[in-house]
């Protein structure tokens, strides 16, 4: 499914006219104006999976943010929305072939980081509670408590429960299995599987951050399956050779002036990996 088929950015004339109209103000930057004309980038056409590739500062994240704001996609993390961002958006145009599903969203590295941090904080709280339960277990199991009145009933239940279970089983039952023992990479991958639903458009800003190569391959397969079986569309900014190698992907190479589409095997970042491993190939032989 393709919801967004194309996106048009303001041309050089529109940008120059706007900047000239505000030059006498106190602003010393007109971001996101004046970025893409020098790259001769005015129109983007999309496939089920489209990737923006390029070095730092080439505008990959800016493009995603511009598209997300124009389409009014759901987002969590804040971004660098300058005084001129809304003006820039007004010059843009999107061609929609299917109504953008309500579940569509932009997912950034900050979203993933916040999610990992939330899990870490949750686990820290649970671990503190676990330490308290260890002490409670020992206190109850070896106390000389005696039941005298109904006011002692809850304490009696706790003592009996401690005496009937091992320490680990007691603590686990009291925590109700709430501890989530995930690595950062596992948590990051879990975030994507929770947020990516069927029949929606997703903008992913460098999703490989916090993911090991193995997890990047799993995310690659998850994205491909989401397109093939669940009618999703993806627009992604990435350097990851694994994500760049996805099937039937359209790659805009923002390192080229003018911007052009490229095969993943032609990209500088991928070629660097290839040349490095080629030089060391004998070290991998048994």
Protein backbone atom coordinates (compact mmCIF):
# COMPACT_ATOMS: atom_id res chain seq x y z
CA UNK A 1 0.00 0.00 0.00
CA UNK A 2 1.26 3.46 -0.90
CA UNK A 3 -0.48 6.28 0.96
CA UNK A 4 2.04 8.97 0.10
CA UNK A 5 3.04 8.80 -3.57
CA UNK A 6 5.01 12.03 -3.92
CA UNK A 7 6.12 15.13 -2.05
CA UNK A 8 7.09 18.50 -3.51
CA UNK A 9 9.47 20.93 -1.82
CA UNK A 10 9.56 24.68 -2.57
CA UNK A 11 11.66 25.57 -5.60
CA UNK A 12 14.66 27.90 -5.46
CA UNK A 13 12.59 30.89 -6.60
CA UNK A 14 10.01 30.47 -3.84
CA UNK A 15 12.72 30.07 -1.22
CA UNK A 16 14.69 33.09 -2.38
CA UNK A 17 11.56 35.26 -2.46
CA UNK A 18 10.63 34.26 1.06
CA UNK A 19 14.12 34.78 2.48
CA UNK A 20 14.42 38.17 0.79
CA UNK A 21 11.15 39.22 2.42
CA UNK A 22 12.47 38.58 5.94
CA UNK A 23 16.16 39.41 5.57
CA UNK A 24 15.85 42.67 7.46
CA UNK A 25 14.71 40.90 10.62
CA UNK A 26 17.01 39.82 13.47
CA UNK A 27 17.18 36.18 12.31
CA UNK A 28 20.52 34.74 11.25
CA UNK A 29 19.16 31.38 10.09
CA UNK A 30 16.22 30.54 7.89
CA UNK A 31 16.18 26.78 8.51
CA UNK A 32 14.75 24.72 6.85
CA UNK A 33 14.94 27.17 3.93
CA UNK A 34 18.09 27.23 1.77
CA UNK A 35 19.00 23.57 2.33
CA UNK A 36 17.52 21.64 -0.58
CA UNK A 37 17.77 24.04 -3.57
CA UNK A 38 21.56 23.63 -3.61
CA UNK A 39 20.95 19.88 -3.80
CA UNK A 40 18.54 20.41 -6.71
CA UNK A 41 15.95 18.48 -4.79
CA UNK A 42 12.37 19.55 -5.39
CA UNK A 43 10.25 16.41 -5.78
CA UNK A 44 10.32 13.00 -4.12
CA UNK A 45 8.44 9.95 -5.36
CA UNK A 46 7.82 7.10 -2.97
CA UNK A 47 7.67 3.31 -3.06
CA UNK A 48 6.42 0.99 -0.28
CA UNK A 49 9.94 1.40 1.19
CA UNK A 50 11.87 4.60 0.48
CA UNK A 51 15.18 5.49 2.09
CA UNK A 52 17.01 8.79 2.53
CA UNK A 53 20.75 8.10 2.65
CA UNK A 54 23.51 10.63 3.24
CA UNK A 55 26.15 11.92 5.62
CA UNK A 56 25.52 14.05 8.67
CA UNK A 57 24.05 17.42 7.78
CA UNK A 58 22.65 16.39 4.41
CA UNK A 59 19.06 16.91 5.56
CA UNK A 60 17.77 13.36 6.04
CA UNK A 61 16.08 14.07 9.36
CA UNK A 62 14.87 17.46 8.14
CA UNK A 63 13.10 15.80 5.21
CA UNK A 64 11.37 13.35 7.54
CA UNK A 65 10.29 16.15 9.88
CA UNK A 66 8.99 18.26 7.01
CA UNK A 67 6.93 15.37 5.64
CA UNK A 68 5.65 14.42 9.11
CA UNK A 69 4.55 17.98 9.84
CA UNK A 70 2.88 18.43 6.46
CA UNK A 71 0.93 15.20 6.96
CA UNK A 72 0.31 15.97 10.65
CA UNK A 73 1.62 12.58 11.72
CA UNK A 74 1.65 11.47 15.34
CA UNK A 75 4.97 12.08 17.05
CA UNK A 76 6.33 11.97 20.60
CA UNK A 77 9.75 13.59 20.73
CA UNK A 78 10.18 17.30 20.04
CA UNK A 79 12.41 18.44 17.18
CA UNK A 80 14.20 21.54 15.91
CA UNK A 81 11.11 23.44 14.76
CA UNK A 82 12.37 26.94 14.04
CA UNK A 83 10.41 30.15 13.50
CA UNK A 84 10.27 29.43 9.78
CA UNK A 85 9.26 25.78 9.86
CA UNK A 86 5.54 26.40 9.39
CA UNK A 87 6.29 28.88 6.59
CA UNK A 88 8.37 26.23 4.85
CA UNK A 89 5.62 23.63 5.25
CA UNK A 90 3.14 25.97 3.55
CA UNK A 91 5.25 25.82 0.37
CA UNK A 92 5.27 22.00 0.34
CA UNK A 93 2.73 19.75 -1.32
CA UNK A 94 1.92 16.06 -0.79
CA UNK A 95 0.20 13.73 -3.23
CA UNK A 96 -1.94 11.24 -1.30
CA UNK A 97 -3.28 8.17 -3.10
CA UNK A 98 -4.90 6.57 -0.05
CA UNK A 99 -5.99 8.54 3.01
CA UNK A 100 -3.17 8.58 5.57
CA UNK A 101 -4.21 6.09 8.29
CA UNK A 102 -4.65 7.52 11.77
CA UNK A 103 -2.07 5.06 13.17
CA UNK A 104 0.67 6.57 10.98
CA UNK A 105 3.53 8.21 12.84
CA UNK A 106 7.14 9.37 12.81
CA UNK A 107 9.54 7.49 15.06
CA UNK A 108 12.86 9.09 15.98
CA UNK A 109 15.94 8.02 17.91
CA UNK A 110 14.75 10.17 20.81
CA UNK A 111 11.51 8.17 20.97
CA UNK A 112 13.47 4.92 21.23
CA UNK A 113 15.87 6.35 23.80
CA UNK A 114 12.99 7.62 25.97
CA UNK A 115 11.35 4.19 25.79
CA UNK A 116 14.58 2.46 26.85
CA UNK A 117 14.97 4.94 29.69
CA UNK A 118 11.39 4.34 30.85
CA UNK A 119 12.00 0.59 30.99
CA UNK A 120 15.26 1.12 32.85
CA UNK A 121 13.55 3.35 35.40
CA UNK A 122 10.72 0.86 35.78
CA UNK A 123 13.15 -1.96 36.35
CA UNK A 124 15.11 0.10 38.86
CA UNK A 125 11.92 0.64 40.81
CA UNK A 126 11.09 -3.05 40.65
CA UNK A 127 14.59 -4.03 41.70
CA UNK A 128 14.28 -1.74 44.74
CA UNK A 129 10.97 -3.41 45.57
CA UNK A 130 12.61 -6.81 45.15
CA UNK A 131 15.25 -5.95 47.74
CA UNK A 132 12.47 -4.95 50.13
CA UNK A 133 10.72 -8.28 49.48
CA UNK A 134 13.89 -10.24 50.26
CA UNK A 135 13.97 -8.61 53.70
CA UNK A 136 10.24 -9.09 54.16
CA UNK A 137 10.55 -12.80 53.30
CA UNK A 138 13.31 -13.41 55.84
CA UNK A 139 11.51 -11.42 58.50
CA UNK A 140 8.26 -13.36 58.00
CA UNK A 141 9.78 -16.81 57.57
CA UNK A 142 11.85 -16.70 60.74
CA UNK A 143 9.66 -14.52 62.95
CA UNK A 144 8.04 -15.81 66.15
CA UNK A 145 4.74 -14.26 65.11
CA UNK A 146 1.63 -15.56 66.85
CA UNK A 147 -1.92 -15.01 65.66
CA UNK A 148 -4.04 -13.42 68.42
CA UNK A 149 -6.79 -11.27 66.89
CA UNK A 150 -8.34 -10.69 63.47
CA UNK A 151 -6.19 -7.57 63.21
CA UNK A 152 -3.26 -9.98 62.78
CA UNK A 153 -4.87 -11.84 59.87
CA UNK A 154 -2.94 -10.13 57.03
CA UNK A 155 0.33 -10.65 58.84
CA UNK A 156 -0.56 -14.33 59.35
CA UNK A 157 -1.14 -14.76 55.61
CA UNK A 158 2.22 -13.17 54.82
CA UNK A 159 4.03 -15.39 57.34
CA UNK A 160 2.35 -18.56 56.01
CA UNK A 161 3.12 -17.58 52.44
CA UNK A 162 6.79 -17.02 53.28
CA UNK A 163 7.05 -20.34 55.06
CA UNK A 164 5.42 -22.23 52.18
CA UNK A 165 7.66 -20.92 49.40
CA UNK A 166 11.31 -20.57 48.57
CA UNK A 167 12.69 -17.02 48.62
CA UNK A 168 12.82 -16.76 44.80
CA UNK A 169 9.28 -18.05 44.32
CA UNK A 170 7.95 -15.73 47.01
CA UNK A 171 9.60 -12.64 45.52
CA UNK A 172 8.56 -13.57 41.99
CA UNK A 173 4.94 -14.08 43.02
CA UNK A 174 4.85 -10.74 44.84
CA UNK A 175 6.28 -8.87 41.84
CA UNK A 176 3.76 -10.52 39.54
CA UNK A 177 6.46 -11.11 36.91
CA UNK A 178 6.75 -7.40 36.16
CA UNK A 179 10.52 -7.34 35.75
CA UNK A 180 11.52 -6.80 32.12
CA UNK A 181 15.08 -7.96 31.75
CA UNK A 182 15.87 -6.54 28.30
CA UNK A 183 19.11 -5.17 26.92
CA UNK A 184 18.98 -1.76 25.27
CA UNK A 185 18.95 -3.43 21.86
CA UNK A 186 16.15 -5.78 22.83
CA UNK A 187 14.15 -2.89 24.26
CA UNK A 188 14.70 -0.83 21.09
CA UNK A 189 13.54 -3.68 18.85
CA UNK A 190 10.54 -4.28 21.12
CA UNK A 191 9.62 -0.59 20.75
CA UNK A 192 9.42 -0.91 16.95
CA UNK A 193 7.32 -4.08 17.09
CA UNK A 194 4.92 -2.37 19.51
CA UNK A 195 4.56 0.85 17.51
CA UNK A 196 4.43 -0.51 13.96
CA UNK A 197 0.90 -1.72 13.28
CA UNK A 198 -0.75 -2.81 10.04
CA UNK A 199 -2.11 -0.50 7.32
CA UNK A 200 -0.14 2.64 8.20
CA UNK A 201 2.63 4.97 7.06
CA UNK A 202 5.79 5.10 9.17
CA UNK A 203 8.66 7.56 9.03
CA UNK A 204 11.73 6.14 10.79
CA UNK A 205 14.71 8.36 11.60
CA UNK A 206 17.90 6.25 11.84
CA UNK A 207 16.15 3.27 13.47
CA UNK A 208 19.44 1.33 13.61
CA UNK A 209 20.59 3.41 16.59
CA UNK A 210 20.75 1.19 19.72
CA UNK A 211 20.38 -1.96 17.57
CA UNK A 212 23.11 -4.56 17.17
CA UNK A 213 23.76 -5.89 13.63
CA UNK A 214 21.68 -8.95 14.47
CA UNK A 215 18.77 -6.78 15.63
CA UNK A 216 19.13 -4.59 12.54
CA UNK A 217 18.64 -7.67 10.38
CA UNK A 218 15.57 -8.60 12.42
CA UNK A 219 14.19 -5.07 11.98
CA UNK A 220 14.89 -5.28 8.25
CA UNK A 221 12.86 -8.48 8.05
CA UNK A 222 10.11 -7.01 10.21
CA UNK A 223 9.82 -3.98 7.92
CA UNK A 224 9.77 -6.16 4.79
CA UNK A 225 7.06 -8.37 6.30
CA UNK A 226 5.04 -5.32 7.39
CA UNK A 227 5.03 -4.11 3.79
CA UNK A 228 4.37 -7.48 2.21
CA UNK A 229 1.72 -8.83 4.55
CA UNK A 230 0.31 -5.84 6.46
CA UNK A 231 0.06 -3.04 3.87
CA UNK A 232 2.50 -0.65 5.53
CA UNK A 233 4.58 2.05 3.86
CA UNK A 234 7.95 3.21 5.19
CA UNK A 235 10.11 6.27 4.63
CA UNK A 236 13.42 5.81 6.42
CA UNK A 237 16.63 7.76 6.97
CA UNK A 238 19.52 5.39 7.61
CA UNK A 239 23.21 4.52 7.18
CA UNK A 240 22.65 0.85 8.03
CA UNK A 241 23.84 -1.48 5.24
CA UNK A 242 21.31 -4.04 6.45
CA UNK A 243 18.34 -1.70 6.05
CA UNK A 244 19.74 -0.31 2.80
CA UNK A 245 19.81 -3.85 1.40
CA UNK A 246 16.05 -4.37 1.75
CA UNK A 247 14.23 -5.74 -1.28
CA UNK A 248 12.60 -3.37 -3.76
CA UNK A 249 13.70 -0.30 -1.83
CA UNK A 250 14.08 3.14 -3.43
CA UNK A 251 17.15 4.98 -2.13
CA UNK A 252 17.65 8.73 -2.45
CA UNK A 253 21.36 9.45 -2.17
CA UNK A 254 21.61 12.88 -0.55
CA UNK A 255 25.41 12.81 -0.84
CA UNK A 256 25.03 13.35 -4.58
CA UNK A 257 24.56 16.84 -6.01
CA UNK A 258 22.04 16.82 -7.55
CA UNK A 259 20.35 14.18 -5.43
CA UNK A 260 19.84 10.92 -7.30
CA UNK A 261 18.57 7.41 -6.65
CA UNK A 262 21.23 4.75 -6.14
CA UNK A 263 21.63 1.04 -5.63
CA UNK A 264 22.61 0.14 -2.09
CA UNK A 265 25.86 -1.47 -3.31
CA UNK A 266 26.92 1.88 -4.83
CA UNK A 267 26.69 3.87 -1.60
CA UNK A 268 29.91 5.10 0.00
CA UNK A 269 29.05 3.80 3.46
CA UNK A 270 28.31 0.32 2.14
CA UNK A 271 31.40 0.31 -0.07
CA UNK A 272 33.52 1.21 2.97
CA UNK A 273 32.25 -1.86 4.80
CA UNK A 274 32.75 -4.00 1.71
CA UNK A 275 36.34 -2.87 1.15
CA UNK A 276 37.19 -3.33 4.82
CA UNK A 277 35.95 -6.91 5.00
CA UNK A 278 37.46 -7.73 1.63
CA UNK A 279 40.88 -6.71 2.98
CA UNK A 280 40.37 -8.98 5.99
CA UNK A 281 38.62 -11.88 4.26
CA UNK A 282 41.50 -14.31 4.92
CA UNK A 283 41.08 -13.77 8.66
CA UNK A 284 37.59 -15.24 8.45
CA UNK A 285 38.74 -18.49 6.88
CA UNK A 286 38.90 -21.57 9.11
